[in-house]
Amino acid sequence: MNPIKILLVDDHDVVRTGLRSFLGGQADVLVTAEARNGEEALLRAEELKPDLVIMDITMPGMDGLEATRKLKARQPECLALALTVHEDKQYFMEMLAAGASGYITKQAAADDLMAAIRSVAAGQVYLQPALARWLLEDYQRLAKQEETQAHTRPAENGEHAVGLDILSQREREVLELVGQGLNNQQIGKQLGLSPKTIARHRERIMNKLNMHSRTELVKFAIRTGLIAA
């Protein structure tokens, strides 16, 4: 099995050196390059095509948020894992919206970091348990808000139009698997379709629902009962 090719992005030399040393002792990962800011990260990612970018957030020049957004726009198949000092809800939500598939703080244990790397590389989502509560809180707040609105306005034809009923059966199947954390290749294998076909289904789903990130899709899937929270 090929090792997970990793690009380390952090503006502190000591942090990168420590991470490289630690990851060098893991048989299933390979650090292929390092970068000190977002600009360097995009250049290295374009040159080396890593499987996973471990991305700091606050860096001089282009920060990790902007770098992650641009990385996912240019190389959708390249995965991003936020590794940061910030135990902060705003950064957490913004990194997920930017396209990161995982978020973990630098205070986490080494075993947790490896669990995050392996989970994200496998096409799953990894959220540090102590921080994942923010996603649940956000969903519960939105659900309560929608419930309140439903009780305070008259029902209209098409009230539930923006729901699962506007998606085809195949699109619902794809959305359900996206909500389970699978990537395009894994979904394609399960449904007997090519990754490109799955990518087109995801694009149509986002256009129909007017959504722009995996996080929004997951919330929608939970809200409509397609997947369990």
Protein backbone atom coordinates (compact mmCIF):
# COMPACT_ATOMS: atom_id res chain seq x y z
CA MET A 1 0.00 0.00 0.00
CA ASN A 2 1.38 3.40 -0.98
CA PRO A 3 2.03 5.84 1.88
CA ILE A 4 -0.08 8.96 2.29
CA LYS A 5 1.84 11.81 0.64
CA ILE A 6 1.72 14.86 2.89
CA LEU A 7 2.51 18.55 2.46
CA LEU A 8 3.18 20.36 5.77
CA VAL A 9 2.14 24.03 5.89
CA ASP A 10 3.11 26.09 8.94
CA ASP A 11 5.01 29.36 9.36
CA HIS A 12 6.98 28.07 12.37
CA ASP A 13 10.12 26.12 11.48
CA VAL A 14 10.13 24.33 14.83
CA VAL A 15 6.58 23.07 14.32
CA ARG A 16 7.31 21.78 10.83
CA THR A 17 10.53 20.11 12.00
CA GLY A 18 8.72 18.43 14.87
CA LEU A 19 5.89 17.24 12.64
CA ARG A 20 8.29 15.92 10.00
CA SER A 21 10.24 14.04 12.67
CA PHE A 22 7.12 12.52 14.17
CA LEU A 23 5.52 11.60 10.85
CA GLY A 24 8.80 10.15 9.64
CA GLY A 25 8.33 7.37 12.17
CA GLN A 26 4.97 6.35 10.71
CA ALA A 27 5.08 3.62 8.06
CA ASP A 28 1.95 4.73 6.21
CA VAL A 29 2.77 8.42 5.68
CA LEU A 30 5.43 10.30 3.71
CA VAL A 31 6.16 14.02 4.07
CA THR A 32 6.97 15.13 0.52
CA ALA A 33 7.41 18.88 1.14
CA GLU A 34 6.93 21.83 3.48
CA ALA A 35 5.63 25.38 3.05
CA ARG A 36 5.72 28.46 5.28
CA ASN A 37 2.55 30.19 4.04
CA GLY A 38 -0.41 29.84 1.71
CA GLU A 39 1.38 31.01 -1.42
CA GLU A 40 4.13 28.44 -0.99
CA ALA A 41 1.56 25.77 -0.17
CA LEU A 42 -0.28 26.28 -3.47
CA LEU A 43 2.97 26.14 -5.44
CA ARG A 44 4.15 22.94 -3.70
CA ALA A 45 0.74 21.33 -4.07
CA GLU A 46 0.71 22.09 -7.80
CA GLU A 47 4.24 20.69 -8.23
CA LEU A 48 3.98 17.57 -6.09
CA LYS A 49 0.27 16.64 -6.05
CA PRO A 50 0.17 15.49 -2.40
CA ASP A 51 -2.69 13.36 -1.10
CA LEU A 52 -3.14 15.51 1.99
CA VAL A 53 -2.17 19.03 3.07
CA ILE A 54 -1.81 19.63 6.81
CA MET A 55 -2.71 23.31 6.96
CA ASP A 56 -2.02 25.90 9.65
CA ILE A 57 -4.50 28.80 9.72
CA THR A 58 -2.79 32.01 10.83
CA MET A 59 0.28 32.63 8.67
CA PRO A 60 1.86 35.75 7.14
CA GLY A 61 0.77 36.59 3.61
CA MET A 62 -1.90 34.17 2.47
CA ASP A 63 -3.45 32.45 5.50
CA GLY A 64 -4.72 28.90 5.74
CA LEU A 65 -8.35 29.80 5.06
CA GLU A 66 -7.64 31.44 1.71
CA ALA A 67 -5.06 28.79 0.81
CA THR A 68 -7.56 25.99 1.51
CA ARG A 69 -10.25 27.64 -0.62
CA LYS A 70 -7.85 28.07 -3.54
CA LEU A 71 -6.38 24.60 -3.12
CA LYS A 72 -9.82 22.96 -3.30
CA ALA A 73 -10.77 25.09 -6.30
CA ARG A 74 -7.62 24.12 -8.20
CA GLN A 75 -7.18 20.54 -6.95
CA PRO A 76 -10.49 19.19 -5.63
CA GLU A 77 -8.98 15.76 -5.13
CA CYS A 78 -6.32 17.11 -2.73
CA LEU A 79 -7.49 16.79 0.88
CA ALA A 80 -6.93 19.38 3.62
CA LEU A 81 -6.62 18.89 7.37
CA ALA A 82 -6.49 21.98 9.58
CA LEU A 83 -3.88 21.76 12.36
CA THR A 84 -3.99 24.92 14.43
CA VAL A 85 -3.64 26.51 17.85
CA HIS A 86 -7.11 27.99 17.46
CA GLU A 87 -9.81 26.29 19.49
CA ASP A 88 -12.23 28.78 18.02
CA LYS A 89 -15.71 28.24 16.57
CA GLN A 90 -15.36 30.85 13.83
CA TYR A 91 -12.11 29.39 12.51
CA PHE A 92 -13.60 25.89 12.82
CA MET A 93 -16.65 26.75 10.72
CA GLU A 94 -14.70 28.80 8.18
CA MET A 95 -12.13 26.06 7.56
CA LEU A 96 -14.88 23.49 6.99
CA ALA A 97 -16.65 25.91 4.64
CA ALA A 98 -13.35 26.45 2.81
CA GLY A 99 -13.21 22.74 2.07
CA ALA A 100 -11.13 21.21 4.87
CA SER A 101 -12.09 17.61 5.65
CA GLY A 102 -10.75 17.73 9.19
CA TYR A 103 -9.92 20.08 12.06
CA ILE A 104 -7.62 19.34 14.99
CA THR A 105 -5.71 21.55 17.42
CA LYS A 106 -2.00 21.44 18.14
CA GLN A 107 -2.83 20.58 21.74
CA ALA A 108 -4.20 17.20 20.63
CA ALA A 109 -2.36 13.96 21.35
CA ALA A 110 -0.10 12.44 18.70
CA ASP A 111 -2.42 9.44 18.35
CA ASP A 112 -5.32 11.80 17.63
CA LEU A 113 -3.31 13.52 14.91
CA MET A 114 -2.58 10.19 13.24
CA ALA A 115 -6.24 9.22 13.52
CA ALA A 116 -7.16 12.51 11.83
CA ILE A 117 -4.63 12.02 9.02
CA ARG A 118 -5.74 8.45 8.33
CA SER A 119 -9.44 9.28 8.49
CA VAL A 120 -9.19 12.25 6.12
CA ALA A 121 -6.91 10.34 3.72
CA ALA A 122 -9.51 7.56 3.64
CA GLY A 123 -12.13 10.04 2.44
CA GLN A 124 -13.81 10.51 5.81
CA VAL A 125 -14.32 13.63 7.91
CA TYR A 126 -12.38 14.07 11.16
CA LEU A 127 -13.48 16.64 13.72
CA GLN A 128 -11.73 16.73 17.06
CA PRO A 129 -14.43 15.45 19.44
CA ALA A 130 -14.12 18.41 21.81
CA LEU A 131 -14.86 20.78 18.89
CA ALA A 132 -17.44 18.78 16.93
CA ARG A 133 -20.10 19.98 19.37
CA TRP A 134 -20.05 23.33 17.51
CA LEU A 135 -21.42 21.69 14.37
CA LEU A 136 -24.18 20.05 16.36
CA GLU A 137 -25.00 23.31 18.15
CA ASP A 138 -25.18 25.13 14.83
CA TYR A 139 -27.49 22.49 13.38
CA GLN A 140 -29.74 22.52 16.45
CA ARG A 141 -29.95 26.33 16.34
CA LEU A 142 -30.95 26.28 12.67
CA ALA A 143 -33.46 23.48 13.25
CA LYS A 144 -35.07 25.43 16.10
CA GLN A 145 -35.16 28.58 14.00
CA GLU A 146 -36.86 26.76 11.13
CA GLU A 147 -39.36 25.17 13.49
CA THR A 148 -40.23 28.58 14.92
CA GLN A 149 -40.66 30.06 11.45
CA ALA A 150 -42.86 27.16 10.42
CA HIS A 151 -45.22 27.88 13.34
CA THR A 152 -45.35 31.63 12.74
CA ARG A 153 -46.11 31.77 8.99
CA PRO A 154 -48.98 30.32 6.98
CA ALA A 155 -48.32 27.21 4.95
CA GLU A 156 -47.98 27.80 1.23
CA ASN A 157 -47.92 25.60 -1.80
CA GLY A 158 -44.35 24.43 -2.24
CA GLU A 159 -43.52 25.05 1.43
CA HIS A 160 -41.23 22.04 1.43
CA ALA A 161 -40.08 22.41 -2.16
CA VAL A 162 -36.49 22.97 -1.13
CA GLY A 163 -36.08 19.48 0.21
CA LEU A 164 -35.36 15.95 -0.86
CA ASP A 165 -38.29 16.01 -3.29
CA ILE A 166 -36.38 18.25 -5.71
CA LEU A 167 -33.58 15.69 -5.99
CA SER A 168 -33.64 12.61 -8.19
CA GLN A 169 -33.33 9.18 -6.62
CA ARG A 170 -29.71 8.95 -7.77
CA GLU A 171 -28.95 12.40 -6.35
CA ARG A 172 -30.43 11.34 -3.00
CA GLU A 173 -28.19 8.26 -3.01
CA VAL A 174 -25.13 10.40 -3.73
CA LEU A 175 -26.09 12.94 -1.07
CA GLU A 176 -26.57 10.21 1.54
CA LEU A 177 -23.08 8.85 0.86
CA VAL A 178 -21.57 12.36 0.90
CA GLY A 179 -23.19 12.80 4.31
CA GLN A 180 -21.50 9.60 5.46
CA GLY A 181 -18.10 11.14 4.63
CA LEU A 182 -17.32 9.22 1.43
CA ASN A 183 -15.33 10.84 -1.38
CA ASN A 184 -16.21 10.74 -5.09
CA GLN A 185 -14.15 7.64 -5.80
CA GLN A 186 -15.67 5.69 -2.91
CA ILE A 187 -19.20 6.77 -3.83
CA GLY A 188 -18.60 5.83 -7.46
CA LYS A 189 -17.36 2.39 -6.49
CA GLN A 190 -20.40 1.78 -4.28
CA LEU A 191 -22.88 2.96 -6.94
CA GLY A 192 -21.06 1.53 -9.95
CA LEU A 193 -20.35 4.97 -11.44
CA SER A 194 -17.19 6.88 -12.34
CA PRO A 195 -15.80 9.56 -9.98
CA LYS A 196 -16.46 12.15 -12.72
CA THR A 197 -20.11 11.15 -12.86
CA ILE A 198 -20.34 11.46 -9.08
CA ALA A 199 -18.71 14.91 -9.28
CA ARG A 200 -21.40 15.98 -11.78
CA HIS A 201 -24.15 14.66 -9.50
CA ARG A 202 -22.67 16.61 -6.56
CA GLU A 203 -22.54 19.77 -8.67
CA ARG A 204 -26.19 19.39 -9.67
CA ILE A 205 -27.18 18.74 -6.05
CA MET A 206 -25.39 21.90 -4.89
CA ASN A 207 -26.97 23.94 -7.67
CA LYS A 208 -30.47 22.68 -6.88
CA LEU A 209 -30.05 23.34 -3.15
CA ASN A 210 -28.04 26.56 -3.59
CA MET A 211 -25.28 25.18 -1.38
CA HIS A 212 -21.54 25.59 -1.71
CA SER A 213 -19.77 23.21 0.67
CA ARG A 214 -19.79 19.67 2.03
CA THR A 215 -20.72 21.03 5.46
CA GLU A 216 -23.94 22.54 4.07
CA LEU A 217 -24.78 19.27 2.33
CA VAL A 218 -24.24 17.28 5.54
CA LYS A 219 -26.48 19.67 7.50
CA PHE A 220 -29.18 19.38 4.85
CA ALA A 221 -28.96 15.59 4.85
CA ILE A 222 -29.36 15.54 8.65
CA ARG A 223 -32.20 18.08 8.63
CA THR A 224 -34.20 16.14 6.05
CA GLY A 225 -33.63 12.82 7.83
CA LEU A 226 -31.56 11.33 5.01
CA ILE A 227 -28.79 10.52 7.50
CA ALA A 228 -28.79 10.33 11.30
CA ALA A 229 -27.03 13.04 13.32
